[in-house]
Each structure stands twice: as C-alpha cells, then as structure tokens.
Protein backbone atom coordinates (compact mmCIF):
# COMPACT_ATOMS: atom_id res chain seq x y z
CA MET A 1 99.57 116.60 121.54
CA THR A 2 98.56 116.06 117.92
CA LEU A 3 102.14 116.10 116.63
CA LEU A 4 103.07 113.42 119.15
CA PHE A 5 100.34 111.22 117.69
CA VAL A 6 101.53 112.00 114.16
CA GLY A 7 105.05 110.94 115.14
CA LEU A 8 103.69 107.75 116.69
CA GLY A 9 101.68 107.02 113.55
CA ILE A 10 104.77 107.49 111.39
CA LEU A 11 106.70 105.04 113.56
CA VAL A 12 103.88 102.49 113.24
CA LEU A 13 103.94 102.98 109.46
CA ALA A 14 107.70 102.41 109.47
CA GLN A 15 107.23 99.17 111.41
CA ILE A 16 104.62 97.91 108.94
CA LEU A 17 106.87 98.83 106.01
CA GLY A 18 109.79 97.07 107.70
CA ILE A 19 107.78 93.88 108.20
CA TYR A 20 106.70 94.01 104.54
CA ALA A 21 110.29 94.45 103.39
CA LEU A 22 111.47 91.51 105.52
CA LYS A 23 108.75 89.23 104.17
CA THR A 24 109.37 90.17 100.52
CA HIS A 25 113.19 90.47 100.81
CA LYS A 26 113.14 93.97 99.32
CA ALA A 27 115.77 95.61 101.51
CA ASP A 28 117.55 97.94 99.09
CA LEU A 29 118.76 101.54 98.98
CA ILE A 30 115.32 103.03 98.27
CA PHE A 31 113.85 101.10 101.19
CA ALA A 32 116.65 102.30 103.47
CA MET A 33 116.16 105.92 102.40
CA THR A 34 112.39 105.63 102.92
CA MET A 35 112.90 104.23 106.42
CA LEU A 36 115.40 106.99 107.22
CA GLY A 37 112.92 109.60 106.02
CA LEU A 38 110.14 108.09 108.13
CA PHE A 39 112.40 108.03 111.19
CA VAL A 40 113.48 111.65 110.73
CA GLY A 41 109.87 112.72 110.18
CA ALA A 42 108.75 110.90 113.33
CA ALA A 43 111.59 112.39 115.36
CA VAL A 44 110.81 115.93 114.16
CA CYS A 45 107.06 115.59 114.77
CA GLY A 46 107.62 114.06 118.20
CA GLY A 47 110.21 116.66 119.14
CA VAL A 48 108.06 119.58 118.07
CA GLY A 49 105.03 118.07 119.79
CA ALA A 50 106.95 117.56 123.03
CA TYR A 51 108.33 121.09 122.83
CA GLN A 52 104.85 122.53 122.36
CA GLN A 53 103.56 120.60 125.36
CA LEU A 54 106.43 121.72 127.60
CA ARG A 55 106.16 125.35 126.51
C-alpha cells in the first residue's frame, strides 16, 4: 500500500510543478523531461504497489 501512496505523491508533485511552469511560462525541454520522469516514476511505483497488493 505504501508504494501506491508514493505514486500518488509523485503525481501530486507533478501537478504542482505543472502549475508552477504554467504560471512562470517555463515550459521547455528540461521541464518536459522532468515531467516525463515523474510520470514514469509514479506509474512504476503504482504498478508495483498494485502488484504487491494483488499478490
């Protein structure tokens, strides 16, 4: 269950970072790569957490 919460926390962090980038108009390649990394990290944590719960 903990990894599911970690994945959720990463998604919340990505949302906050996205709002910051929209307000400051800093949407560039580094921002896009950071968001992609956060999304992949959240997907992996959530997937592993769901797998552990179902197992």
